[in-house]
Amino acid sequence: MTFDLVIRGGTIATAADVTRADIGIRDGRIVAIAERLSGGDISIDAGGKLVLPGGIDAHCHLDQPQAPGLASKGAVMADGFRTGSISAVFGGTTTIVPFCVQHRGNSMLAAVEDYHRRANGQSVIDYAFHLIVSDPTPAVLGQELPALIRRGHTSLKVYMTYDAMVLSDRQILDVFAAARQERAIVLIHAENHEIIGWLADRLEAAGRTEPFEHANSRPLPVEREATHRAVTLAEIAGVPLVVVHISGNDPLEEVRRARARGLTVIAETCPQYLLLTADDLDLPDMEGAKVMCSPPPRDTGSQASLWRGIEDGTVDIINSDHAPYRFDRDGKLRAGPQAPFRKVANGIPGLETRLPLLFSEGVVKGRIDLPRFVALTAANNAKLYGLYPRKGTIAVGADADIAIWDPERRVTITNDILHHNVDYTPFEGLEVQGWPQTMLSRGEIVVDGGELKGTPGRGRFLEQTTSSAWRSDTGIKPWI
């Protein structure tokens, strides 16, 4: 057998097991895995290194136009598909799934066409889209969504907060029903919009407008109630549900209770909830705005609860929720250098740091093993979002999306070593152990030794198939 490239002598980890073997690659696919392979036009010595599936970040925002009604109106995302994908691949990720947003009064089909235009010729790595539904009109639900789902957009997202995005319970049920009809998977941002508004009005009236008050306007009960309600709506409609960016124990307990009733509810969290707290928002000179995201980071008790959820299997996926706003007048400070928290763009960068942070805090510290690391960051996303087994694993027939890691390398995270277009990282100064050294996308070396080898535009759009949440015999049924 002839190979374009052979990776030799590395320790291969998938979500199932760990083994030492060579990998033979031809025409962008893995065609052989054996104890020893000969030949190969190119050979990579992976002795002493880990050979992992390239990461999949299935929750990131790139080149996403702001809805007119958002408080952060006018803020511009610093990363498009070019810088976002470059940042991702330097951090060990070979597939991204950002969000295509439909704004109210607009067509979902037109939004998708626009987002394809934004991505075209830009990405270094492969990508798919989630569809954000903010205006579920009869035409969108009955015509546009079915057509788009059948064209490979099989994941949808809805919001329970933000003035420009929030859907009523009835509208959410309508989206869930459309998703059930076409067997799409739905992600939900679960926070109680009315409570947030009520608390924010009172904080503002009391003159409490600093970034730290953002956390006080969105306490954990806001997330707990909305998660409970989202699960109930999914139960009535008979659909599997992904609850994104869970920040603490209360919403995680709602997931556990739902599963105990036999419901299919998937839990996602992000590195910011494992490593940051609300105290990081309490900094002078608006510095705390750099850590403003929704839900906000909580406290050390919430961190401990999430780690327990990761260890016991309650947390299924870990993504970045990369939302790249610079700390300037085009981003976080759009409404001025002392803007009240309600007018500061929500979101933090994290595409490049997601995997090194979890590897260092999880694998190196003994909280999780290598197969669990792969499951949380690659395999489960691939299965859930209809990309498996092409993506998310190392197996014969899979795309040769491979990350070769140096598990001993120590790196102090500083913004100047990162490749995003944001002027800060919330993880500045944190030392991690373990860093990706060589990255392959469909068999092509795209990063090696800190140097970009891949060309922007080589990334391909991926059509998603039906989610594993629908394929399994879960007994999901609508109430009526």
Protein backbone atom coordinates (compact mmCIF):
# COMPACT_ATOMS: atom_id res chain seq x y z
CA MET A 1 0.00 0.00 0.00
CA THR A 2 1.30 3.47 -0.87
CA PHE A 3 0.79 6.54 1.29
CA ASP A 4 1.01 10.28 0.81
CA LEU A 5 2.02 10.66 4.45
CA VAL A 6 2.77 8.38 7.40
CA ILE A 7 2.70 9.41 11.07
CA ARG A 8 5.03 7.06 12.91
CA GLY A 9 5.41 5.95 16.49
CA GLY A 10 2.89 8.21 18.19
CA THR A 11 0.44 7.42 20.97
CA ILE A 12 -2.98 7.52 19.32
CA ALA A 13 -6.00 8.42 21.43
CA THR A 14 -9.63 8.28 20.35
CA ALA A 15 -12.78 8.51 22.44
CA ALA A 16 -12.62 4.72 22.80
CA ASP A 17 -9.01 3.83 23.57
CA VAL A 18 -5.30 4.64 23.54
CA THR A 19 -2.76 2.71 21.45
CA ARG A 20 0.65 3.11 19.82
CA ALA A 21 0.65 2.72 16.04
CA ASP A 22 1.51 4.27 12.70
CA ILE A 23 -1.09 6.03 10.58
CA GLY A 24 -1.09 5.91 6.78
CA ILE A 25 -2.82 8.71 4.87
CA ARG A 26 -3.77 8.89 1.22
CA ASP A 27 -5.95 11.42 -0.65
CA GLY A 28 -6.80 13.22 2.57
CA ARG A 29 -8.17 10.15 4.35
CA ILE A 30 -6.79 7.68 6.86
CA VAL A 31 -6.30 4.41 4.97
CA ALA A 32 -4.22 2.33 7.39
CA ILE A 33 -3.48 2.04 11.11
CA ALA A 34 -0.90 -0.57 12.03
CA GLU A 35 1.95 -1.28 14.41
CA ARG A 36 4.45 -0.49 11.66
CA LEU A 37 3.88 0.98 8.19
CA SER A 38 6.53 1.35 5.49
CA GLY A 39 6.75 3.87 2.71
CA GLY A 40 5.12 7.25 2.57
CA ASP A 41 6.07 10.29 0.49
CA ILE A 42 6.21 12.29 3.73
CA SER A 43 6.97 10.88 7.16
CA ILE A 44 6.31 12.50 10.53
CA ASP A 45 8.09 11.12 13.59
CA ALA A 46 5.55 11.33 16.43
CA GLY A 47 7.66 9.42 18.95
CA GLY A 48 6.94 10.71 22.45
CA LYS A 49 3.96 12.69 21.16
CA LEU A 50 0.19 12.25 21.33
CA VAL A 51 -1.73 11.78 18.09
CA LEU A 52 -5.31 12.97 18.57
CA PRO A 53 -8.28 13.70 16.33
CA GLY A 54 -8.36 17.36 15.44
CA GLY A 55 -10.65 19.23 17.79
CA ILE A 56 -14.14 20.34 16.78
CA ASP A 57 -15.33 23.65 18.21
CA ALA A 58 -19.08 23.60 17.68
CA HIS A 59 -19.88 26.85 19.48
CA CYS A 60 -18.11 29.90 18.08
CA HIS A 61 -19.18 33.21 16.58
CA LEU A 62 -17.33 34.51 13.50
CA ASP A 63 -18.15 37.47 11.27
CA GLN A 64 -21.63 37.52 12.79
CA PRO A 65 -23.53 40.72 12.02
CA GLN A 66 -25.17 42.31 15.04
CA ALA A 67 -28.93 42.41 15.30
CA PRO A 68 -30.25 46.00 15.26
CA GLY A 69 -31.95 45.61 18.66
CA LEU A 70 -28.96 44.43 20.67
CA ALA A 71 -27.67 46.70 23.45
CA SER A 72 -24.17 46.43 21.96
CA LYS A 73 -25.43 47.85 18.65
CA GLY A 74 -22.58 48.66 16.31
CA ALA A 75 -19.95 46.46 17.96
CA VAL A 76 -17.96 44.53 15.36
CA MET A 77 -16.64 41.01 15.73
CA ALA A 78 -12.88 41.10 15.24
CA ASP A 79 -12.57 37.59 13.80
CA GLY A 80 -13.98 36.41 10.52
CA PHE A 81 -13.42 32.99 9.03
CA ARG A 82 -9.79 33.74 8.11
CA THR A 83 -8.36 34.83 11.48
CA GLY A 84 -10.85 32.69 13.40
CA SER A 85 -9.90 29.51 11.57
CA ILE A 86 -6.18 30.25 11.85
CA SER A 87 -6.54 30.81 15.57
CA ALA A 88 -8.54 27.61 15.92
CA VAL A 89 -6.03 25.40 14.11
CA PHE A 90 -3.07 26.76 16.06
CA GLY A 91 -4.97 25.66 19.17
CA GLY A 92 -5.56 22.09 17.97
CA THR A 93 -8.97 22.49 16.28
CA THR A 94 -9.56 21.33 12.70
CA THR A 95 -13.33 21.86 12.35
CA ILE A 96 -15.45 24.83 13.41
CA VAL A 97 -19.23 25.24 13.55
CA PRO A 98 -20.09 28.95 13.90
CA PHE A 99 -23.55 30.49 13.80
CA CYS A 100 -25.51 31.86 10.87
CA VAL A 101 -28.04 34.29 12.37
CA GLN A 102 -31.41 35.23 10.95
CA HIS A 103 -32.42 38.73 12.02
CA ARG A 104 -36.07 39.59 12.55
CA GLY A 105 -37.94 40.46 9.41
CA ASN A 106 -35.35 38.71 7.27
CA SER A 107 -35.32 35.44 5.40
CA MET A 108 -33.42 32.47 6.84
CA LEU A 109 -32.47 31.45 3.31
CA ALA A 110 -30.99 34.90 2.65
CA ALA A 111 -29.05 34.76 5.91
CA VAL A 112 -27.51 31.42 4.93
CA GLU A 113 -26.56 32.71 1.49
CA ASP A 114 -24.91 35.73 3.09
CA TYR A 115 -23.00 33.58 5.57
CA HIS A 116 -21.72 31.29 2.83
CA ARG A 117 -20.48 34.41 1.07
CA ARG A 118 -18.67 35.54 4.24
CA ALA A 119 -17.00 32.14 4.64
CA ASN A 120 -16.14 31.54 0.99
CA GLY A 121 -12.40 31.52 0.34
CA GLN A 122 -11.48 32.41 3.92
CA SER A 123 -11.16 29.38 6.18
CA VAL A 124 -8.01 27.32 6.63
CA ILE A 125 -10.04 24.41 8.05
CA ASP A 126 -13.40 22.75 7.35
CA TYR A 127 -16.59 24.24 8.73
CA ALA A 128 -20.36 23.82 9.09
CA PHE A 129 -23.08 26.25 10.25
CA HIS A 130 -25.65 26.25 13.04
CA LEU A 131 -28.77 28.26 12.10
CA ILE A 132 -30.00 30.84 14.64
CA VAL A 133 -33.77 31.28 14.36
CA SER A 134 -34.97 34.65 15.67
CA ASP A 135 -38.11 35.10 13.58
CA PRO A 136 -40.01 31.80 13.21
CA THR A 137 -42.62 32.92 10.72
CA PRO A 138 -44.85 30.37 8.97
CA ALA A 139 -42.66 30.70 5.87
CA VAL A 140 -39.48 30.07 7.85
CA LEU A 141 -40.92 27.10 9.73
CA GLY A 142 -42.85 25.54 6.88
CA GLN A 143 -40.61 26.19 3.89
CA GLU A 144 -37.16 27.63 4.60
CA LEU A 145 -36.04 25.49 7.54
CA PRO A 146 -37.11 22.17 5.97
CA ALA A 147 -35.26 23.06 2.78
CA LEU A 148 -32.11 24.13 4.66
CA ILE A 149 -32.10 21.09 6.93
CA ARG A 150 -32.33 18.81 3.90
CA ARG A 151 -29.37 20.71 2.42
CA GLY A 152 -27.16 19.78 5.37
CA HIS A 153 -27.90 22.42 7.99
CA THR A 154 -29.21 20.02 10.63
CA SER A 155 -28.58 22.07 13.79
CA LEU A 156 -30.62 25.07 14.96
CA LYS A 157 -30.25 27.49 17.86
CA VAL A 158 -32.84 29.55 19.73
CA TYR A 159 -32.51 32.15 22.48
CA MET A 160 -34.51 32.69 25.67
CA THR A 161 -32.97 36.14 26.20
CA TYR A 162 -31.64 39.27 24.40
CA ASP A 163 -34.24 41.73 23.11
CA ALA A 164 -33.38 41.10 19.46
CA MET A 165 -33.24 37.31 19.76
CA VAL A 166 -35.60 36.12 22.48
CA LEU A 167 -38.45 33.82 21.49
CA SER A 168 -41.62 33.23 23.47
CA ASP A 169 -42.31 29.74 24.81
CA ARG A 170 -44.87 29.25 22.05
CA GLN A 171 -42.37 30.27 19.37
CA ILE A 172 -39.79 27.88 20.85
CA LEU A 173 -42.36 25.09 20.68
CA ASP A 174 -42.98 25.95 17.03
CA VAL A 175 -39.25 25.70 16.25
CA PHE A 176 -39.02 22.44 18.21
CA ALA A 177 -41.94 21.03 16.22
CA ALA A 178 -40.27 21.97 12.93
CA ALA A 179 -37.02 20.39 14.16
CA ARG A 180 -38.86 17.21 15.06
CA GLN A 181 -40.47 17.04 11.64
CA GLU A 182 -37.06 17.21 9.93
CA ARG A 183 -35.03 15.49 12.69
CA ALA A 184 -32.81 18.49 13.38
CA ILE A 185 -31.03 19.07 16.69
CA VAL A 186 -31.77 22.28 18.65
CA LEU A 187 -29.35 24.25 20.84
CA ILE A 188 -30.79 26.67 23.38
CA HIS A 189 -29.40 29.66 25.26
CA ALA A 190 -31.23 29.28 28.55
CA GLU A 191 -31.57 32.44 30.66
CA ASN A 192 -34.79 34.05 31.90
CA HIS A 193 -35.16 37.27 29.91
CA GLU A 194 -37.74 38.93 32.13
CA ILE A 195 -35.76 38.42 35.35
CA ILE A 196 -32.60 39.76 33.70
CA GLY A 197 -34.44 42.92 32.60
CA TRP A 198 -36.03 43.39 36.01
CA LEU A 199 -32.71 43.07 37.84
CA ALA A 200 -30.78 45.19 35.33
CA ASP A 201 -33.34 48.03 35.61
CA ARG A 202 -32.91 48.11 39.38
CA LEU A 203 -29.13 47.92 39.28
CA GLU A 204 -29.04 50.76 36.77
CA ALA A 205 -31.45 52.86 38.83
CA ALA A 206 -29.14 52.43 41.82
CA GLY A 207 -26.16 53.60 39.77
CA ARG A 208 -24.59 50.15 39.76
CA THR A 209 -23.44 49.94 36.14
CA GLU A 210 -19.86 48.60 36.36
CA PRO A 211 -18.96 45.35 34.55
CA PHE A 212 -19.21 43.38 37.80
CA GLU A 213 -22.93 44.18 37.96
CA HIS A 214 -23.40 42.17 34.77
CA ALA A 215 -22.98 39.07 36.94
CA ASN A 216 -25.52 40.39 39.46
CA SER A 217 -28.06 40.92 36.69
CA ARG A 218 -27.77 37.27 35.61
CA PRO A 219 -27.50 35.17 38.79
CA LEU A 220 -27.58 31.38 38.66
CA PRO A 221 -31.36 31.08 39.34
CA VAL A 222 -31.93 32.91 36.03
CA GLU A 223 -30.16 30.07 34.25
CA ARG A 224 -31.73 27.35 36.41
CA GLU A 225 -35.31 28.44 35.70
CA ALA A 226 -34.74 28.82 31.98
CA THR A 227 -33.03 25.42 31.75
CA HIS A 228 -35.97 23.79 33.53
CA ARG A 229 -38.40 25.52 31.17
CA ALA A 230 -36.36 24.65 28.06
CA VAL A 231 -36.30 20.99 29.08
CA THR A 232 -40.05 21.05 29.67
CA LEU A 233 -40.69 22.57 26.24
CA ALA A 234 -38.46 19.95 24.62
CA GLU A 235 -40.34 17.21 26.49
CA ILE A 236 -43.69 18.50 25.25
CA ALA A 237 -42.47 18.81 21.66
CA GLY A 238 -40.61 15.49 21.76
CA VAL A 239 -37.15 16.64 20.68
CA PRO A 240 -33.59 16.13 21.93
CA LEU A 241 -32.05 19.33 23.30
CA VAL A 242 -28.58 20.82 23.71
CA VAL A 243 -28.27 23.25 26.63
CA VAL A 244 -25.24 25.39 25.81
CA HIS A 245 -22.67 27.14 28.02
CA ILE A 246 -23.87 25.76 31.36
CA SER A 247 -22.16 27.81 34.06
CA GLY A 248 -22.87 26.04 37.37
CA ASN A 249 -24.53 23.34 39.41
CA ASP A 250 -28.19 24.42 39.26
CA PRO A 251 -28.71 24.07 35.48
CA LEU A 252 -26.53 20.94 35.52
CA GLU A 253 -28.92 19.42 38.07
CA GLU A 254 -31.81 20.20 35.73
CA VAL A 255 -30.03 18.15 33.05
CA ARG A 256 -29.56 15.26 35.47
CA ARG A 257 -33.24 15.33 36.45
CA ALA A 258 -34.31 15.39 32.82
CA ARG A 259 -32.16 12.38 32.00
CA ALA A 260 -33.55 10.53 34.99
CA ARG A 261 -36.98 10.94 33.35
CA GLY A 262 -35.63 9.41 30.15
CA LEU A 263 -35.23 12.66 28.19
CA THR A 264 -32.36 13.29 25.77
CA VAL A 265 -30.67 16.46 27.01
CA ILE A 266 -27.07 17.25 26.13
CA ALA A 267 -24.95 19.49 28.37
CA GLU A 268 -22.25 21.85 27.11
CA THR A 269 -19.86 23.99 29.14
CA CYS A 270 -16.88 26.20 28.27
CA PRO A 271 -13.39 26.87 29.70
CA GLN A 272 -14.40 30.27 31.11
CA TYR A 273 -16.78 28.57 33.53
CA LEU A 274 -14.07 26.16 34.66
CA LEU A 275 -11.32 28.74 35.18
CA LEU A 276 -12.81 32.23 35.69
CA THR A 277 -15.13 33.66 38.35
CA ALA A 278 -17.31 36.74 38.72
CA ASP A 279 -14.43 38.37 40.62
CA ASP A 280 -12.61 38.64 37.28
CA LEU A 281 -15.26 41.18 36.25
CA ASP A 282 -14.50 43.32 39.31
CA LEU A 283 -11.48 45.20 37.93
CA PRO A 284 -10.77 48.95 37.57
CA ASP A 285 -10.85 50.99 34.36
CA MET A 286 -13.47 48.77 32.70
CA GLU A 287 -10.97 45.89 32.54
CA GLY A 288 -13.69 43.61 33.85
CA ALA A 289 -15.55 44.10 30.56
CA LYS A 290 -12.99 41.78 28.98
CA VAL A 291 -14.57 38.88 30.89
CA MET A 292 -18.21 39.81 30.27
CA CYS A 293 -20.11 36.93 28.68
CA SER A 294 -23.54 35.41 29.19
CA PRO A 295 -24.06 33.52 31.37
CA PRO A 296 -21.28 35.14 33.41
CA PRO A 297 -18.57 33.16 35.19
CA ARG A 298 -19.74 32.20 38.69
CA ASP A 299 -17.59 31.13 41.65
CA THR A 300 -15.23 28.37 42.72
CA GLY A 301 -18.15 26.23 43.90
CA SER A 302 -19.66 26.38 40.43
CA GLN A 303 -16.31 25.44 38.92
CA ALA A 304 -16.11 22.40 41.20
CA SER A 305 -19.65 21.35 40.23
CA LEU A 306 -18.82 21.56 36.54
CA TRP A 307 -15.66 19.51 36.97
CA ARG A 308 -17.73 16.86 38.77
CA GLY A 309 -20.14 16.95 35.82
CA ILE A 310 -17.25 16.46 33.42
CA GLU A 311 -15.88 13.57 35.46
CA ASP A 312 -19.21 11.77 35.94
CA GLY A 313 -20.36 12.17 32.33
CA THR A 314 -23.11 14.76 32.82
CA VAL A 315 -21.21 17.27 30.67
CA ASP A 316 -21.07 15.94 27.10
CA ILE A 317 -19.20 18.62 25.17
CA ILE A 318 -16.82 21.51 25.84
CA ASN A 319 -16.72 24.35 23.32
CA SER A 320 -15.31 27.87 23.44
CA ASP A 321 -18.29 30.17 22.75
CA HIS A 322 -15.67 32.34 21.06
CA ALA A 323 -17.19 35.82 20.64
CA PRO A 324 -14.34 38.09 19.53
CA TYR A 325 -14.88 41.71 20.54
CA ARG A 326 -11.82 43.91 20.88
CA PHE A 327 -11.37 46.16 23.92
CA ASP A 328 -11.85 49.36 21.90
CA ARG A 329 -14.48 51.63 20.34
CA ASP A 330 -15.31 49.05 17.69
CA GLY A 331 -15.89 46.33 20.29
CA LYS A 332 -16.42 46.27 24.03
CA LEU A 333 -16.19 50.07 24.42
CA ARG A 334 -18.52 50.95 21.54
CA ALA A 335 -20.78 52.92 23.89
CA GLY A 336 -17.86 54.77 25.50
CA PRO A 337 -14.93 54.19 27.88
CA GLN A 338 -17.25 53.97 30.91
CA ALA A 339 -20.22 52.32 29.26
CA PRO A 340 -22.83 50.75 31.57
CA PHE A 341 -22.74 46.95 31.55
CA ARG A 342 -25.96 46.74 29.55
CA LYS A 343 -24.25 48.43 26.59
CA VAL A 344 -21.09 46.31 26.57
CA ALA A 345 -20.87 43.59 23.93
CA ASN A 346 -21.15 40.14 25.52
CA GLY A 347 -18.55 37.54 24.71
CA ILE A 348 -14.90 36.59 25.08
CA PRO A 349 -12.27 35.03 22.78
CA GLY A 350 -11.29 31.41 23.30
CA LEU A 351 -10.95 29.41 20.06
CA GLU A 352 -7.19 28.93 20.38
CA THR A 353 -7.01 28.33 24.13
CA ARG A 354 -9.91 25.86 24.55
CA LEU A 355 -7.96 22.64 24.04
CA PRO A 356 -4.71 23.57 25.82
CA LEU A 357 -6.69 24.75 28.85
CA LEU A 358 -8.75 21.58 29.08
CA PHE A 359 -5.75 19.33 28.42
CA SER A 360 -3.71 21.02 31.15
CA GLU A 361 -6.49 21.35 33.71
CA GLY A 362 -8.16 18.05 32.87
CA VAL A 363 -5.70 15.46 31.57
CA VAL A 364 -2.47 16.68 33.19
CA LYS A 365 -4.16 17.17 36.57
CA GLY A 366 -5.75 13.73 36.41
CA ARG A 367 -9.38 14.83 36.30
CA ILE A 368 -10.04 13.10 32.97
CA ASP A 369 -8.18 10.60 30.78
CA LEU A 370 -7.23 11.00 27.13
CA PRO A 371 -10.31 9.23 25.68
CA ARG A 372 -12.58 11.50 27.73
CA PHE A 373 -10.64 14.55 26.49
CA VAL A 374 -11.17 13.44 22.89
CA ALA A 375 -14.85 12.74 23.51
CA LEU A 376 -15.49 16.14 25.07
CA THR A 377 -13.65 18.15 22.44
CA ALA A 378 -14.05 16.22 19.19
CA ALA A 379 -15.95 12.92 18.99
CA ASN A 380 -19.13 13.95 20.81
CA ASN A 381 -19.43 17.17 18.78
CA ALA A 382 -18.95 15.16 15.57
CA LYS A 383 -21.67 12.68 16.51
CA LEU A 384 -24.08 15.27 17.86
CA TYR A 385 -23.81 17.59 14.86
CA GLY A 386 -23.84 15.03 12.06
CA LEU A 387 -20.12 15.00 11.16
CA TYR A 388 -19.14 11.53 12.44
CA PRO A 389 -17.27 9.35 11.48
CA ARG A 390 -15.77 11.64 8.86
CA LYS A 391 -14.66 13.96 11.68
CA GLY A 392 -13.89 13.48 15.36
CA THR A 393 -11.97 10.20 15.33
CA ILE A 394 -8.87 8.43 14.05
CA ALA A 395 -10.13 5.47 12.03
CA VAL A 396 -9.73 4.01 8.58
CA GLY A 397 -11.95 6.01 6.23
CA ALA A 398 -12.05 9.15 8.38
CA ASP A 399 -10.68 12.47 7.19
CA ALA A 400 -7.03 12.82 8.24
CA ASP A 401 -7.77 15.70 10.62
CA ILE A 402 -5.05 15.06 13.17
CA ALA A 403 -3.39 17.01 16.00
CA ILE A 404 0.07 15.94 17.14
CA TRP A 405 0.54 17.16 20.71
CA ASP A 406 3.63 17.67 22.82
CA PRO A 407 2.22 16.63 26.22
CA GLU A 408 5.22 18.00 28.12
CA ARG A 409 5.49 21.45 26.60
CA ARG A 410 4.78 24.27 29.03
CA VAL A 411 3.35 27.51 27.68
CA THR A 412 2.40 30.72 29.44
CA ILE A 413 -0.66 32.07 27.64
CA THR A 414 -0.22 35.67 26.56
CA ASN A 415 -2.14 37.49 23.87
CA ASP A 416 0.97 38.07 21.77
CA ILE A 417 1.39 34.33 21.10
CA LEU A 418 -2.22 33.87 19.95
CA HIS A 419 -3.51 34.23 16.40
CA HIS A 420 -6.97 35.72 16.83
CA ASN A 421 -7.65 39.35 15.93
CA VAL A 422 -8.63 40.30 19.48
CA ASP A 423 -6.37 42.54 21.58
CA TYR A 424 -6.61 40.49 24.78
CA THR A 425 -7.17 37.02 26.20
CA PRO A 426 -9.02 36.50 29.49
CA PHE A 427 -6.46 33.79 30.30
CA GLU A 428 -3.42 36.11 30.18
CA GLY A 429 -0.51 34.80 32.25
CA LEU A 430 -1.93 31.32 32.87
CA GLU A 431 0.62 28.54 32.43
CA VAL A 432 -0.52 25.33 30.79
CA GLN A 433 1.14 22.01 30.05
CA GLY A 434 0.55 20.40 26.67
CA TRP A 435 0.31 22.16 23.30
CA PRO A 436 -0.40 21.07 19.72
CA GLN A 437 2.78 20.93 17.63
CA THR A 438 1.70 19.78 14.16
CA MET A 439 -1.78 20.00 12.66
CA LEU A 440 -3.17 18.11 9.67
CA SER A 441 -6.42 18.91 7.91
CA ARG A 442 -7.54 16.29 5.39
CA GLY A 443 -3.98 14.97 5.30
CA GLU A 444 -2.37 18.34 4.58
CA ILE A 445 0.06 19.81 7.13
CA VAL A 446 -1.52 23.17 7.95
CA VAL A 447 0.50 24.09 11.06
CA ASP A 448 3.98 22.88 11.95
CA GLY A 449 6.35 24.12 14.61
CA GLY A 450 4.49 27.38 15.14
CA GLU A 451 4.27 28.20 11.43
CA LEU A 452 1.12 28.36 9.31
CA LYS A 453 1.40 26.09 6.26
CA GLY A 454 -2.22 25.96 5.15
CA THR A 455 -3.73 28.52 2.80
CA PRO A 456 -6.89 30.46 3.73
CA GLY A 457 -9.68 29.22 1.50
CA ARG A 458 -8.66 25.55 1.55
CA GLY A 459 -11.33 24.81 4.18
CA ARG A 460 -14.52 23.21 2.90
CA PHE A 461 -18.14 23.57 3.92
CA LEU A 462 -19.44 20.38 5.53
CA GLU A 463 -22.99 19.16 5.02
CA GLN A 464 -24.29 17.75 8.29
CA THR A 465 -26.20 14.49 8.51
CA THR A 466 -28.78 13.59 11.16
CA SER A 467 -27.61 14.04 14.76
CA SER A 468 -26.75 10.99 16.85
CA ALA A 469 -29.36 12.28 19.30
CA TRP A 470 -31.99 11.30 16.72
CA ARG A 471 -30.31 8.17 15.42
CA SER A 472 -30.29 6.40 18.78
CA ASP A 473 -33.40 4.64 20.05
CA THR A 474 -34.20 7.19 22.74
CA GLY A 475 -37.95 6.85 22.65
CA ILE A 476 -38.37 10.61 22.09
CA LYS A 477 -42.06 11.29 21.52
CA PRO A 478 -44.16 14.46 21.40
CA TRP A 479 -46.77 14.98 24.10
CA ILE A 480 -49.56 14.86 21.51
